[in-house]
Amino acid sequence: MITVDLKKKLNTAMKHMLTHIVLNDAVTLEGYHAELVDAVLLIEFEIPESISTLRKIAFYEEETLLSECSVFVPVTGNILFKYRVEVE
């Protein structure tokens, strides 16, 4: 079992490592907000209007991939996206 304390430490480390987000393997975002709430890391960012469907989110530290997730989110206007990072 992973303790709550270890979950907080892992998500705190990821928060400090994160330098940018890449959407759909093409659009790089450097503007985002990351916040640790209890043992969950919340990452908020706006999806650019150039993306009509969000299919992939990748989180990077410089050139190193930290995490990625396949999603399917149709985009119809300005969207503030909130992503939850949970350690299980």
PDB file of N, CA and C in Angstrom:
ATOM      1  N   MET A   1       0.840  -1.187   0.000  1.00  0.00           N
ATOM      2  CA  MET A   1       0.000   0.000   0.000  1.00  0.00           C
ATOM      3  C   MET A   1       0.883   1.248   0.000  1.00  0.00           C
ATOM      4  N   ILE A   2       0.511   2.206  -0.803  1.00  0.00           N
ATOM      5  CA  ILE A   2       1.213   3.489  -0.844  1.00  0.00           C
ATOM      6  C   ILE A   2       0.523   4.424   0.137  1.00  0.00           C
ATOM      7  N   THR A   3       1.290   5.014   1.025  1.00  0.00           N
ATOM      8  CA  THR A   3       0.711   5.901   2.034  1.00  0.00           C
ATOM      9  C   THR A   3       0.331   7.246   1.423  1.00  0.00           C
ATOM     10  N   VAL A   4      -0.545   7.962   2.098  1.00  0.00           N
ATOM     11  CA  VAL A   4      -0.955   9.298   1.654  1.00  0.00           C
ATOM     12  C   VAL A   4       0.252  10.226   1.615  1.00  0.00           C
ATOM     13  N   ASP A   5       1.151  10.091   2.582  1.00  0.00           N
ATOM     14  CA  ASP A   5       2.346  10.935   2.623  1.00  0.00           C
ATOM     15  C   ASP A   5       3.212  10.722   1.385  1.00  0.00           C
ATOM     16  N   LEU A   6       3.403   9.474   0.983  1.00  0.00           N
ATOM     17  CA  LEU A   6       4.197   9.190  -0.214  1.00  0.00           C
ATOM     18  C   LEU A   6       3.498   9.713  -1.467  1.00  0.00           C
ATOM     19  N   LYS A   7       2.177   9.570  -1.544  1.00  0.00           N
ATOM     20  CA  LYS A   7       1.424  10.106  -2.684  1.00  0.00           C
ATOM     21  C   LYS A   7       1.636  11.609  -2.809  1.00  0.00           C
ATOM     22  N   LYS A   8       1.578  12.319  -1.676  1.00  0.00           N
ATOM     23  CA  LYS A   8       1.798  13.770  -1.685  1.00  0.00           C
ATOM     24  C   LYS A   8       3.203  14.101  -2.168  1.00  0.00           C
ATOM     25  N   LYS A   9       4.191  13.352  -1.691  1.00  0.00           N
ATOM     26  CA  LYS A   9       5.582  13.608  -2.089  1.00  0.00           C
ATOM     27  C   LYS A   9       5.792  13.356  -3.580  1.00  0.00           C
ATOM     28  N   LEU A  10       5.210  12.295  -4.108  1.00  0.00           N
ATOM     29  CA  LEU A  10       5.346  11.997  -5.537  1.00  0.00           C
ATOM     30  C   LEU A  10       4.693  13.080  -6.395  1.00  0.00           C
ATOM     31  N   ASN A  11       3.498  13.504  -6.024  1.00  0.00           N
ATOM     32  CA  ASN A  11       2.819  14.545  -6.800  1.00  0.00           C
ATOM     33  C   ASN A  11       3.489  15.903  -6.636  1.00  0.00           C
ATOM     34  N   THR A  12       4.051  16.188  -5.468  1.00  0.00           N
ATOM     35  CA  THR A  12       4.812  17.426  -5.285  1.00  0.00           C
ATOM     36  C   THR A  12       6.040  17.421  -6.190  1.00  0.00           C
ATOM     37  N   ALA A  13       6.720  16.288  -6.269  1.00  0.00           N
ATOM     38  CA  ALA A  13       7.886  16.174  -7.149  1.00  0.00           C
ATOM     39  C   ALA A  13       7.488  16.390  -8.602  1.00  0.00           C
ATOM     40  N   MET A  14       6.378  15.778  -9.034  1.00  0.00           N
ATOM     41  CA  MET A  14       5.938  15.961 -10.421  1.00  0.00           C
ATOM     42  C   MET A  14       5.589  17.417 -10.694  1.00  0.00           C
ATOM     43  N   LYS A  15       4.940  18.069  -9.744  1.00  0.00           N
ATOM     44  CA  LYS A  15       4.579  19.480  -9.910  1.00  0.00           C
ATOM     45  C   LYS A  15       5.820  20.324 -10.173  1.00  0.00           C
ATOM     46  N   HIS A  16       6.901  20.059  -9.444  1.00  0.00           N
ATOM     47  CA  HIS A  16       8.126  20.844  -9.592  1.00  0.00           C
ATOM     48  C   HIS A  16       8.929  20.448 -10.833  1.00  0.00           C
ATOM     49  N   MET A  17       8.748  19.235 -11.306  1.00  0.00           N
ATOM     50  CA  MET A  17       9.461  18.769 -12.497  1.00  0.00           C
ATOM     51  C   MET A  17       8.812  19.261 -13.788  1.00  0.00           C
ATOM     52  N   LEU A  18       7.507  19.443 -13.785  1.00  0.00           N
ATOM     53  CA  LEU A  18       6.743  19.773 -14.989  1.00  0.00           C
ATOM     54  C   LEU A  18       7.174  21.111 -15.588  1.00  0.00           C
ATOM     55  N   THR A  19       7.610  21.079 -16.859  1.00  0.00           N
ATOM     56  CA  THR A  19       8.020  22.314 -17.539  1.00  0.00           C
ATOM     57  C   THR A  19       7.053  22.713 -18.648  1.00  0.00           C
ATOM     58  N   HIS A  20       6.409  21.739 -19.287  1.00  0.00           N
ATOM     59  CA  HIS A  20       5.439  22.064 -20.331  1.00  0.00           C
ATOM     60  C   HIS A  20       4.544  20.864 -20.625  1.00  0.00           C
ATOM     61  N   ILE A  21       3.467  21.167 -21.350  1.00  0.00           N
ATOM     62  CA  ILE A  21       2.470  20.169 -21.731  1.00  0.00           C
ATOM     63  C   ILE A  21       2.381  20.167 -23.253  1.00  0.00           C
ATOM     64  N   VAL A  22       2.252  18.987 -23.847  1.00  0.00           N
ATOM     65  CA  VAL A  22       2.078  18.875 -25.296  1.00  0.00           C
ATOM     66  C   VAL A  22       0.727  18.213 -25.556  1.00  0.00           C
ATOM     67  N   LEU A  23      -0.088  18.869 -26.379  1.00  0.00           N
ATOM     68  CA  LEU A  23      -1.411  18.354 -26.731  1.00  0.00           C
ATOM     69  C   LEU A  23      -1.378  17.777 -28.138  1.00  0.00           C
ATOM     70  N   ASN A  24      -1.945  16.601 -28.309  1.00  0.00           N
ATOM     71  CA  ASN A  24      -2.061  15.940 -29.624  1.00  0.00           C
ATOM     72  C   ASN A  24      -0.724  15.814 -30.348  1.00  0.00           C
ATOM     73  N   ASP A  25       0.360  15.657 -29.617  1.00  0.00           N
ATOM     74  CA  ASP A  25       1.713  15.522 -30.184  1.00  0.00           C
ATOM     75  C   ASP A  25       2.141  16.729 -31.008  1.00  0.00           C
ATOM     76  N   ALA A  26       1.434  17.863 -30.902  1.00  0.00           N
ATOM     77  CA  ALA A  26       1.729  18.978 -31.792  1.00  0.00           C
ATOM     78  C   ALA A  26       1.751  20.350 -31.128  1.00  0.00           C
ATOM     79  N   VAL A  27       0.909  20.590 -30.152  1.00  0.00           N
ATOM     80  CA  VAL A  27       0.755  21.930 -29.578  1.00  0.00           C
ATOM     81  C   VAL A  27       1.395  21.957 -28.190  1.00  0.00           C
ATOM     82  N   THR A  28       2.416  22.800 -28.032  1.00  0.00           N
ATOM     83  CA  THR A  28       3.119  22.918 -26.758  1.00  0.00           C
ATOM     84  C   THR A  28       2.527  24.048 -25.932  1.00  0.00           C
ATOM     85  N   LEU A  29       2.224  23.734 -24.672  1.00  0.00           N
ATOM     86  CA  LEU A  29       1.704  24.731 -23.733  1.00  0.00           C
ATOM     87  C   LEU A  29       2.724  24.949 -22.628  1.00  0.00           C
ATOM     88  N   GLU A  30       3.065  26.193 -22.388  1.00  0.00           N
ATOM     89  CA  GLU A  30       3.914  26.505 -21.241  1.00  0.00           C
ATOM     90  C   GLU A  30       3.112  27.224 -20.176  1.00  0.00           C
ATOM     91  N   GLY A  31       1.889  27.634 -20.534  1.00  0.00           N
ATOM     92  CA  GLY A  31       1.005  28.292 -19.587  1.00  0.00           C
ATOM     93  C   GLY A  31       0.023  27.300 -18.999  1.00  0.00           C
ATOM     94  N   TYR A  32       0.155  27.031 -17.724  1.00  0.00           N
ATOM     95  CA  TYR A  32      -0.733  26.109 -17.021  1.00  0.00           C
ATOM     96  C   TYR A  32      -0.656  26.443 -15.538  1.00  0.00           C
ATOM     97  N   HIS A  33      -1.582  25.900 -14.778  1.00  0.00           N
ATOM     98  CA  HIS A  33      -1.572  26.089 -13.325  1.00  0.00           C
ATOM     99  C   HIS A  33      -1.603  24.710 -12.678  1.00  0.00           C
ATOM    100  N   ALA A  34      -0.646  24.438 -11.798  1.00  0.00           N
ATOM    101  CA  ALA A  34      -0.592  23.159 -11.090  1.00  0.00           C
ATOM    102  C   ALA A  34      -0.731  23.410  -9.598  1.00  0.00           C
ATOM    103  N   GLU A  35      -1.583  22.600  -8.960  1.00  0.00           N
ATOM    104  CA  GLU A  35      -1.869  22.779  -7.539  1.00  0.00           C
ATOM    105  C   GLU A  35      -2.037  21.412  -6.883  1.00  0.00           C
ATOM    106  N   LEU A  36      -1.442  21.253  -5.713  1.00  0.00           N
ATOM    107  CA  LEU A  36      -1.586  20.015  -4.960  1.00  0.00           C
ATOM    108  C   LEU A  36      -2.728  20.170  -3.964  1.00  0.00           C
ATOM    109  N   VAL A  37      -3.735  19.299  -4.073  1.00  0.00           N
ATOM    110  CA  VAL A  37      -4.878  19.301  -3.160  1.00  0.00           C
ATOM    111  C   VAL A  37      -4.929  17.917  -2.519  1.00  0.00           C
ATOM    112  N   ASP A  38      -4.667  17.883  -1.217  1.00  0.00           N
ATOM    113  CA  ASP A  38      -4.522  16.614  -0.500  1.00  0.00           C
ATOM    114  C   ASP A  38      -3.427  15.806  -1.192  1.00  0.00           C
ATOM    115  N   ALA A  39      -3.729  14.624  -1.689  1.00  0.00           N
ATOM    116  CA  ALA A  39      -2.712  13.807  -2.353  1.00  0.00           C
ATOM    117  C   ALA A  39      -2.895  13.801  -3.866  1.00  0.00           C
ATOM    118  N   VAL A  40      -3.647  14.763  -4.391  1.00  0.00           N
ATOM    119  CA  VAL A  40      -3.959  14.824  -5.822  1.00  0.00           C
ATOM    120  C   VAL A  40      -3.337  16.079  -6.427  1.00  0.00           C
ATOM    121  N   LEU A  41      -2.661  15.912  -7.570  1.00  0.00           N
ATOM    122  CA  LEU A  41      -2.114  17.045  -8.309  1.00  0.00           C
ATOM    123  C   LEU A  41      -3.135  17.458  -9.363  1.00  0.00           C
ATOM    124  N   LEU A  42      -3.587  18.705  -9.309  1.00  0.00           N
ATOM    125  CA  LEU A  42      -4.531  19.238 -10.295  1.00  0.00           C
ATOM    126  C   LEU A  42      -3.767  20.146 -11.249  1.00  0.00           C
ATOM    127  N   ILE A  43      -3.916  19.902 -12.543  1.00  0.00           N
ATOM    128  CA  ILE A  43      -3.248  20.712 -13.564  1.00  0.00           C
ATOM    129  C   ILE A  43      -4.328  21.301 -14.457  1.00  0.00           C
ATOM    130  N   GLU A  44      -4.381  22.627 -14.523  1.00  0.00           N
ATOM    131  CA  GLU A  44      -5.374  23.330 -15.347  1.00  0.00           C
ATOM    132  C   GLU A  44      -4.672  24.038 -16.498  1.00  0.00           C
ATOM    133  N   PHE A  45      -5.293  23.981 -17.673  1.00  0.00           N
ATOM    134  CA  PHE A  45      -4.764  24.692 -18.832  1.00  0.00           C
ATOM    135  C   PHE A  45      -5.895  24.951 -19.815  1.00  0.00           C
ATOM    136  N   GLU A  46      -5.705  25.960 -20.658  1.00  0.00           N
ATOM    137  CA  GLU A  46      -6.678  26.260 -21.709  1.00  0.00           C
ATOM    138  C   GLU A  46      -6.317  25.481 -22.960  1.00  0.00           C
ATOM    139  N   ILE A  47      -7.329  24.937 -23.609  1.00  0.00           N
ATOM    140  CA  ILE A  47      -7.120  24.242 -24.874  1.00  0.00           C
ATOM    141  C   ILE A  47      -7.193  25.283 -25.986  1.00  0.00           C
ATOM    142  N   PRO A  48      -6.134  25.425 -26.790  1.00  0.00           N
ATOM    143  CA  PRO A  48      -6.142  26.421 -27.867  1.00  0.00           C
ATOM    144  C   PRO A  48      -7.242  26.153 -28.889  1.00  0.00           C
ATOM    145  N   GLU A  49      -7.722  27.224 -29.509  1.00  0.00           N
ATOM    146  CA  GLU A  49      -8.787  27.103 -30.511  1.00  0.00           C
ATOM    147  C   GLU A  49      -8.353  26.317 -31.741  1.00  0.00           C
ATOM    148  N   SER A  50      -7.048  26.166 -31.961  1.00  0.00           N
ATOM    149  CA  SER A  50      -6.561  25.406 -33.114  1.00  0.00           C
ATOM    150  C   SER A  50      -6.830  23.905 -32.971  1.00  0.00           C
ATOM    151  N   ILE A  51      -7.209  23.461 -31.787  1.00  0.00           N
ATOM    152  CA  ILE A  51      -7.501  22.042 -31.553  1.00  0.00           C
ATOM    153  C   ILE A  51      -9.016  21.841 -31.570  1.00  0.00           C
ATOM    154  N   SER A  52      -9.489  20.999 -32.490  1.00  0.00           N
ATOM    155  CA  SER A  52     -10.929  20.726 -32.555  1.00  0.00           C
ATOM    156  C   SER A  52     -11.313  19.502 -31.721  1.00  0.00           C
ATOM    157  N   THR A  53     -10.372  18.574 -31.565  1.00  0.00           N
ATOM    158  CA  THR A  53     -10.581  17.410 -30.705  1.00  0.00           C
ATOM    159  C   THR A  53      -9.279  17.115 -29.967  1.00  0.00           C
ATOM    160  N   LEU A  54      -9.346  17.112 -28.651  1.00  0.00           N
ATOM    161  CA  LEU A  54      -8.178  16.768 -27.840  1.00  0.00           C
ATOM    162  C   LEU A  54      -8.106  15.252 -27.727  1.00  0.00           C
ATOM    163  N   ARG A  55      -6.994  14.683 -28.181  1.00  0.00           N
ATOM    164  CA  ARG A  55      -6.844  13.231 -28.197  1.00  0.00           C
ATOM    165  C   ARG A  55      -5.715  12.721 -27.304  1.00  0.00           C
ATOM    166  N   LYS A  56      -4.753  13.596 -26.994  1.00  0.00           N
ATOM    167  CA  LYS A  56      -3.613  13.141 -26.193  1.00  0.00           C
ATOM    168  C   LYS A  56      -3.039  14.305 -25.404  1.00  0.00           C
ATOM    169  N   ILE A  57      -2.684  14.034 -24.140  1.00  0.00           N
ATOM    170  CA  ILE A  57      -2.038  15.014 -23.278  1.00  0.00           C
ATOM    171  C   ILE A  57      -0.732  14.392 -22.806  1.00  0.00           C
ATOM    172  N   ALA A  58       0.373  15.115 -22.971  1.00  0.00           N
ATOM    173  CA  ALA A  58       1.676  14.626 -22.517  1.00  0.00           C
ATOM    174  C   ALA A  58       2.318  15.691 -21.635  1.00  0.00           C
ATOM    175  N   PHE A  59       2.880  15.249 -20.522  1.00  0.00           N
ATOM    176  CA  PHE A  59       3.512  16.140 -19.557  1.00  0.00           C
ATOM    177  C   PHE A  59       5.019  15.902 -19.589  1.00  0.00           C
ATOM    178  N   TYR A  60       5.783  16.991 -19.706  1.00  0.00           N
ATOM    179  CA  TYR A  60       7.231  16.888 -19.878  1.00  0.00           C
ATOM    180  C   TYR A  60       8.008  17.683 -18.842  1.00  0.00           C
ATOM    181  N   GLU A  61       9.196  17.168 -18.540  1.00  0.00           N
ATOM    182  CA  GLU A  61      10.244  17.929 -17.877  1.00  0.00           C
ATOM    183  C   GLU A  61      11.318  18.098 -18.938  1.00  0.00           C
ATOM    184  N   GLU A  62      11.432  19.307 -19.470  1.00  0.00           N
ATOM    185  CA  GLU A  62      12.329  19.571 -20.604  1.00  0.00           C
ATOM    186  C   GLU A  62      12.000  18.587 -21.731  1.00  0.00           C
ATOM    187  N   GLU A  63      12.928  17.671 -22.069  1.00  0.00           N
ATOM    188  CA  GLU A  63      12.702  16.712 -23.157  1.00  0.00           C
ATOM    189  C   GLU A  63      12.236  15.342 -22.647  1.00  0.00           C
ATOM    190  N   THR A  64      12.112  15.194 -21.343  1.00  0.00           N
ATOM    191  CA  THR A  64      11.766  13.901 -20.754  1.00  0.00           C
ATOM    192  C   THR A  64      10.262  13.792 -20.519  1.00  0.00           C
ATOM    193  N   LEU A  65       9.662  12.754 -21.088  1.00  0.00           N
ATOM    194  CA  LEU A  65       8.238  12.499 -20.887  1.00  0.00           C
ATOM    195  C   LEU A  65       8.007  12.000 -19.466  1.00  0.00           C
ATOM    196  N   LEU A  66       7.139  12.694 -18.724  1.00  0.00           N
ATOM    197  CA  LEU A  66       6.791  12.287 -17.361  1.00  0.00           C
ATOM    198  C   LEU A  66       5.551  11.410 -17.336  1.00  0.00           C
ATOM    199  N   SER A  67       4.565  11.785 -18.143  1.00  0.00           N
ATOM    200  CA  SER A  67       3.290  11.070 -18.145  1.00  0.00           C
ATOM    201  C   SER A  67       2.529  11.449 -19.407  1.00  0.00           C
ATOM    202  N   GLU A  68       1.686  10.538 -19.885  1.00  0.00           N
ATOM    203  CA  GLU A  68       0.818  10.855 -21.013  1.00  0.00           C
ATOM    204  C   GLU A  68      -0.500  10.128 -20.852  1.00  0.00           C
ATOM    205  N   CYS A  69      -1.509  10.663 -21.514  1.00  0.00           N
ATOM    206  CA  CYS A  69      -2.848  10.111 -21.377  1.00  0.00           C
ATOM    207  C   CYS A  69      -3.610  10.299 -22.685  1.00  0.00           C
ATOM    208  N   SER A  70      -4.246   9.239 -23.159  1.00  0.00           N
ATOM    209  CA  SER A  70      -5.130   9.336 -24.319  1.00  0.00           C
ATOM    210  C   SER A  70      -6.514   9.732 -23.825  1.00  0.00           C
ATOM    211  N   VAL A  71      -7.112  10.700 -24.512  1.00  0.00           N
ATOM    212  CA  VAL A  71      -8.442  11.194 -24.153  1.00  0.00           C
ATOM    213  C   VAL A  71      -9.231  11.426 -25.435  1.00  0.00           C
ATOM    214  N   PHE A  72     -10.506  11.698 -25.310  1.00  0.00           N
ATOM    215  CA  PHE A  72     -11.306  12.146 -26.445  1.00  0.00           C
ATOM    216  C   PHE A  72     -12.204  13.264 -25.944  1.00  0.00           C
ATOM    217  N   VAL A  73     -11.810  14.500 -26.277  1.00  0.00           N
ATOM    218  CA  VAL A  73     -12.553  15.674 -25.826  1.00  0.00           C
ATOM    219  C   VAL A  73     -12.833  16.570 -27.030  1.00  0.00           C
ATOM    220  N   PRO A  74     -14.067  16.590 -27.552  1.00  0.00           N
ATOM    221  CA  PRO A  74     -14.407  17.546 -28.611  1.00  0.00           C
ATOM    222  C   PRO A  74     -14.323  18.970 -28.049  1.00  0.00           C
ATOM    223  N   VAL A  75     -13.736  19.863 -28.812  1.00  0.00           N
ATOM    224  CA  VAL A  75     -13.543  21.244 -28.359  1.00  0.00           C
ATOM    225  C   VAL A  75     -14.440  22.155 -29.190  1.00  0.00           C
ATOM    226  N   THR A  76     -15.324  22.873 -28.516  1.00  0.00           N
ATOM    227  CA  THR A  76     -16.249  23.778 -29.209  1.00  0.00           C
ATOM    228  C   THR A  76     -16.202  25.153 -28.560  1.00  0.00           C
ATOM    229  N   GLY A  77     -15.041  25.773 -28.611  1.00  0.00           N
ATOM    230  CA  GLY A  77     -14.885  27.094 -28.000  1.00  0.00           C
ATOM    231  C   GLY A  77     -13.792  27.077 -26.956  1.00  0.00           C
ATOM    232  N   ASN A  78     -13.781  28.103 -26.119  1.00  0.00           N
ATOM    233  CA  ASN A  78     -12.765  28.200 -25.075  1.00  0.00           C
ATOM    234  C   ASN A  78     -13.041  27.179 -23.976  1.00  0.00           C
ATOM    235  N   ILE A  79     -12.050  26.337 -23.707  1.00  0.00           N
ATOM    236  CA  ILE A  79     -12.201  25.319 -22.671  1.00  0.00           C
ATOM    237  C   ILE A  79     -11.030  25.399 -21.704  1.00  0.00           C
ATOM    238  N   LEU A  80     -11.354  25.486 -20.418  1.00  0.00           N
ATOM    239  CA  LEU A  80     -10.356  25.365 -19.365  1.00  0.00           C
ATOM    240  C   LEU A  80     -10.409  23.915 -18.910  1.00  0.00           C
ATOM    241  N   PHE A  81      -9.337  23.187 -19.165  1.00  0.00           N
ATOM    242  CA  PHE A  81      -9.290  21.751 -18.898  1.00  0.00           C
ATOM    243  C   PHE A  81      -8.603  21.511 -17.562  1.00  0.00           C
ATOM    244  N   LYS A  82      -9.167  20.641 -16.743  1.00  0.00           N
ATOM    245  CA  LYS A  82      -8.567  20.291 -15.455  1.00  0.00           C
ATOM    246  C   LYS A  82      -8.229  18.804 -15.478  1.00  0.00           C
ATOM    247  N   TYR A  83      -6.951  18.508 -15.259  1.00  0.00           N
ATOM    248  CA  TYR A  83      -6.469  17.130 -15.272  1.00  0.00           C
ATOM    249  C   TYR A  83      -6.025  16.746 -13.865  1.00  0.00           C
ATOM    250  N   ARG A  84      -6.451  15.572 -13.410  1.00  0.00           N
ATOM    251  CA  ARG A  84      -6.103  15.090 -12.065  1.00  0.00           C
ATOM    252  C   ARG A  84      -5.021  14.018 -12.170  1.00  0.00           C
ATOM    253  N   VAL A  85      -3.937  14.203 -11.418  1.00  0.00           N
ATOM    254  CA  VAL A  85      -2.893  13.191 -11.328  1.00  0.00           C
ATOM    255  C   VAL A  85      -3.031  12.535  -9.958  1.00  0.00           C
ATOM    256  N   GLU A  86      -3.378  11.256  -9.967  1.00  0.00           N
ATOM    257  CA  GLU A  86      -3.549  10.521  -8.715  1.00  0.00           C
ATOM    258  C   GLU A  86      -2.591   9.338  -8.688  1.00  0.00           C
ATOM    259  N   VAL A  87      -1.903   9.174  -7.597  1.00  0.00           N
ATOM    260  CA  VAL A  87      -1.035   8.018  -7.401  1.00  0.00           C
ATOM    261  C   VAL A  87      -1.862   6.954  -6.699  1.00  0.00           C
ATOM    262  N   GLU A  88      -1.894   5.773  -7.276  1.00  0.00           N
ATOM    263  CA  GLU A  88      -2.683   4.675  -6.681  1.00  0.00           C
ATOM    264  C   GLU A  88      -1.767   3.606  -6.147  1.00  0.00           C
TER     265      GLU A  88
END
